[in-house]
Every structure is written in C-alpha cells, then in structure tokens.
Amino acid sequence: EIKRRERPQAEATLDTRGAGSLTDLHIANFLAAARGEEKLNAPIHDARTSQLLCHVANIAQATGEAIELENGRLAHASDRAASLWGREYEPGWEPVV
C-alpha cells in the first residue's frame, strides 16, 4: 500500500471532468443502495433534476438557443435541439419506460 485516503480531499466544485473521490463515493453509494446494502446519500429525484439541468444546458450551449422545459421534457424546441435530446440505441438495448 502506497497511500491510504480515508476521507476525500477537497475538490473543485466546478470540475466538469466527472472524476475524483467525490464522484467515486457517489457511485459506490449508488451501487451499494442498488444492492440493498445502504441508503442513498442523496434522493434520486435531486440527482435527476441535477442531471436534467446539465443536459439542457449542454443542448442550449450546442445550439445557441434558449431551451424551455415542460414537465421535464423539451417544449417548443428546434429540430436541432430535439435531435440532441435523445439517442439511438443498439437493437435490444432500447430503454423500456
């Protein structure tokens, strides 16, 4: 063992790379909760809202357009914005809602 870190060191909150000990701890907690070993540290609804805002911001930046949401879905979006909202899946991997 070269280095042991019990608690995460301070990280930049604006780090957009999605890596680091805080991300690792969130993923570990999510997987443990999925296995029924722990409770989630953050409500899943809060995570969904955070991710939704990130996706919408990325679409707005890519298109240069203001993006409107209605009930968590794009409202009055251009074809370009709408094309960035979804994705194509390999056959058999399509999500079922």
C-alpha atoms as a PDB file:
ATOM      1  CA  GLU A   1       0.000   0.000   0.000  1.00  0.00           C
ATOM      2  CA  ILE A   2       1.463   3.333  -1.054  1.00  0.00           C
ATOM      3  CA  LYS A   3      -1.181   5.788   0.061  1.00  0.00           C
ATOM      4  CA  ARG A   4      -4.394   5.467   2.005  1.00  0.00           C
ATOM      5  CA  ARG A   5      -7.034   8.162   1.984  1.00  0.00           C
ATOM      6  CA  GLU A   6      -9.907   7.644   4.407  1.00  0.00           C
ATOM      7  CA  ARG A   7     -11.760  10.869   3.677  1.00  0.00           C
ATOM      8  CA  PRO A   8     -11.924  12.615   0.307  1.00  0.00           C
ATOM      9  CA  GLN A   9      -9.693  15.609  -0.112  1.00  0.00           C
ATOM     10  CA  ALA A  10     -11.252  18.925  -1.066  1.00  0.00           C
ATOM     11  CA  GLU A  11     -12.174  19.056  -4.732  1.00  0.00           C
ATOM     12  CA  ALA A  12     -13.105  21.901  -7.010  1.00  0.00           C
ATOM     13  CA  THR A  13     -16.888  22.026  -7.189  1.00  0.00           C
ATOM     14  CA  LEU A  14     -16.748  23.306 -10.769  1.00  0.00           C
ATOM     15  CA  ASP A  15     -14.655  20.399 -12.030  1.00  0.00           C
ATOM     16  CA  THR A  16     -16.520  19.291 -15.155  1.00  0.00           C
ATOM     17  CA  ARG A  17     -14.475  16.138 -15.779  1.00  0.00           C
ATOM     18  CA  GLY A  18     -16.678  13.942 -13.577  1.00  0.00           C
ATOM     19  CA  ALA A  19     -13.828  12.257 -11.777  1.00  0.00           C
ATOM     20  CA  GLY A  20     -12.370  12.331  -8.324  1.00  0.00           C
ATOM     21  CA  SER A  21     -13.038  10.931  -4.923  1.00  0.00           C
ATOM     22  CA  LEU A  22     -16.438  12.598  -4.500  1.00  0.00           C
ATOM     23  CA  THR A  23     -17.664  11.051  -7.746  1.00  0.00           C
ATOM     24  CA  ASP A  24     -16.240   7.697  -6.683  1.00  0.00           C
ATOM     25  CA  LEU A  25     -18.071   7.904  -3.351  1.00  0.00           C
ATOM     26  CA  HIS A  26     -21.375   8.775  -5.053  1.00  0.00           C
ATOM     27  CA  ILE A  27     -21.074   5.840  -7.445  1.00  0.00           C
ATOM     28  CA  ALA A  28     -20.122   3.472  -4.635  1.00  0.00           C
ATOM     29  CA  ASN A  29     -23.108   4.633  -2.584  1.00  0.00           C
ATOM     30  CA  PHE A  30     -25.479   4.242  -5.551  1.00  0.00           C
ATOM     31  CA  LEU A  31     -24.285   0.699  -6.254  1.00  0.00           C
ATOM     32  CA  ALA A  32     -24.483  -0.267  -2.565  1.00  0.00           C
ATOM     33  CA  ALA A  33     -28.022   1.127  -2.421  1.00  0.00           C
ATOM     34  CA  ALA A  34     -28.972  -0.840  -5.548  1.00  0.00           C
ATOM     35  CA  ARG A  35     -27.727  -3.979  -3.783  1.00  0.00           C
ATOM     36  CA  GLY A  36     -29.776  -3.065  -0.699  1.00  0.00           C
ATOM     37  CA  GLU A  37     -26.705  -2.577   1.482  1.00  0.00           C
ATOM     38  CA  GLU A  38     -27.063   1.174   2.138  1.00  0.00           C
ATOM     39  CA  LYS A  39     -29.483   4.038   1.844  1.00  0.00           C
ATOM     40  CA  LEU A  40     -28.860   6.633  -0.837  1.00  0.00           C
ATOM     41  CA  ASN A  41     -26.914   9.638   0.427  1.00  0.00           C
ATOM     42  CA  ALA A  42     -28.937  11.925  -1.846  1.00  0.00           C
ATOM     43  CA  PRO A  43     -32.540  11.497  -3.032  1.00  0.00           C
ATOM     44  CA  ILE A  44     -32.715  10.143  -6.587  1.00  0.00           C
ATOM     45  CA  HIS A  45     -35.131  12.937  -7.567  1.00  0.00           C
ATOM     46  CA  ASP A  46     -32.447  15.513  -6.718  1.00  0.00           C
ATOM     47  CA  ALA A  47     -29.931  13.663  -8.883  1.00  0.00           C
ATOM     48  CA  ARG A  48     -32.409  13.502 -11.768  1.00  0.00           C
ATOM     49  CA  THR A  49     -33.051  17.233 -11.548  1.00  0.00           C
ATOM     50  CA  SER A  50     -29.317  17.994 -11.479  1.00  0.00           C
ATOM     51  CA  GLN A  51     -28.638  15.781 -14.488  1.00  0.00           C
ATOM     52  CA  LEU A  52     -31.609  17.189 -16.400  1.00  0.00           C
ATOM     53  CA  LEU A  53     -30.301  20.725 -15.935  1.00  0.00           C
ATOM     54  CA  CYS A  54     -26.841  19.666 -17.121  1.00  0.00           C
ATOM     55  CA  HIS A  55     -28.256  18.050 -20.262  1.00  0.00           C
ATOM     56  CA  VAL A  56     -30.448  21.057 -21.029  1.00  0.00           C
ATOM     57  CA  ALA A  57     -27.505  23.428 -20.515  1.00  0.00           C
ATOM     58  CA  ASN A  58     -25.378  21.347 -22.908  1.00  0.00           C
ATOM     59  CA  ILE A  59     -28.124  21.420 -25.545  1.00  0.00           C
ATOM     60  CA  ALA A  60     -28.577  25.181 -25.114  1.00  0.00           C
ATOM     61  CA  GLN A  61     -24.835  25.735 -25.455  1.00  0.00           C
ATOM     62  CA  ALA A  62     -24.542  23.485 -28.514  1.00  0.00           C
ATOM     63  CA  THR A  63     -27.465  25.109 -30.314  1.00  0.00           C
ATOM     64  CA  GLY A  64     -27.150  28.682 -29.055  1.00  0.00           C
ATOM     65  CA  GLU A  65     -30.868  28.566 -28.254  1.00  0.00           C
ATOM     66  CA  ALA A  66     -32.908  29.143 -25.139  1.00  0.00           C
ATOM     67  CA  ILE A  67     -34.398  25.802 -24.101  1.00  0.00           C
ATOM     68  CA  GLU A  68     -37.814  25.552 -22.494  1.00  0.00           C
ATOM     69  CA  LEU A  69     -38.904  22.566 -20.436  1.00  0.00           C
ATOM     70  CA  GLU A  70     -42.407  21.450 -19.666  1.00  0.00           C
ATOM     71  CA  ASN A  71     -42.835  18.640 -17.123  1.00  0.00           C
ATOM     72  CA  GLY A  72     -39.204  17.604 -17.590  1.00  0.00           C
ATOM     73  CA  ARG A  73     -39.412  17.449 -21.385  1.00  0.00           C
ATOM     74  CA  LEU A  74     -38.405  19.818 -24.160  1.00  0.00           C
ATOM     75  CA  ALA A  75     -41.127  22.262 -25.098  1.00  0.00           C
ATOM     76  CA  HIS A  76     -41.123  24.251 -28.343  1.00  0.00           C
ATOM     77  CA  ALA A  77     -37.653  23.016 -29.297  1.00  0.00           C
ATOM     78  CA  SER A  78     -35.996  23.341 -32.673  1.00  0.00           C
ATOM     79  CA  ASP A  79     -35.245  20.220 -34.677  1.00  0.00           C
ATOM     80  CA  ARG A  80     -31.549  20.591 -33.779  1.00  0.00           C
ATOM     81  CA  ALA A  81     -32.289  20.759 -30.034  1.00  0.00           C
ATOM     82  CA  ALA A  82     -34.715  17.841 -30.277  1.00  0.00           C
ATOM     83  CA  SER A  83     -32.088  15.755 -32.074  1.00  0.00           C
ATOM     84  CA  LEU A  84     -29.716  16.261 -29.136  1.00  0.00           C
ATOM     85  CA  TRP A  85     -32.379  15.295 -26.597  1.00  0.00           C
ATOM     86  CA  GLY A  86     -32.474  11.599 -27.487  1.00  0.00           C
ATOM     87  CA  ARG A  87     -30.168   8.963 -28.853  1.00  0.00           C
ATOM     88  CA  GLU A  88     -30.228   5.859 -30.998  1.00  0.00           C
ATOM     89  CA  TYR A  89     -29.773   2.544 -29.218  1.00  0.00           C
ATOM     90  CA  GLU A  90     -28.441  -0.733 -30.488  1.00  0.00           C
ATOM     91  CA  PRO A  91     -31.233  -3.245 -31.119  1.00  0.00           C
ATOM     92  CA  GLY A  92     -32.213  -4.910 -27.873  1.00  0.00           C
ATOM     93  CA  TRP A  93     -30.753  -2.130 -25.692  1.00  0.00           C
ATOM     94  CA  GLU A  94     -33.607   0.347 -26.000  1.00  0.00           C
ATOM     95  CA  PRO A  95     -34.870   1.515 -22.583  1.00  0.00           C
ATOM     96  CA  VAL A  96     -38.421   0.494 -21.775  1.00  0.00           C
ATOM     97  CA  VAL A  97     -40.399   3.021 -19.764  1.00  0.00           C
END
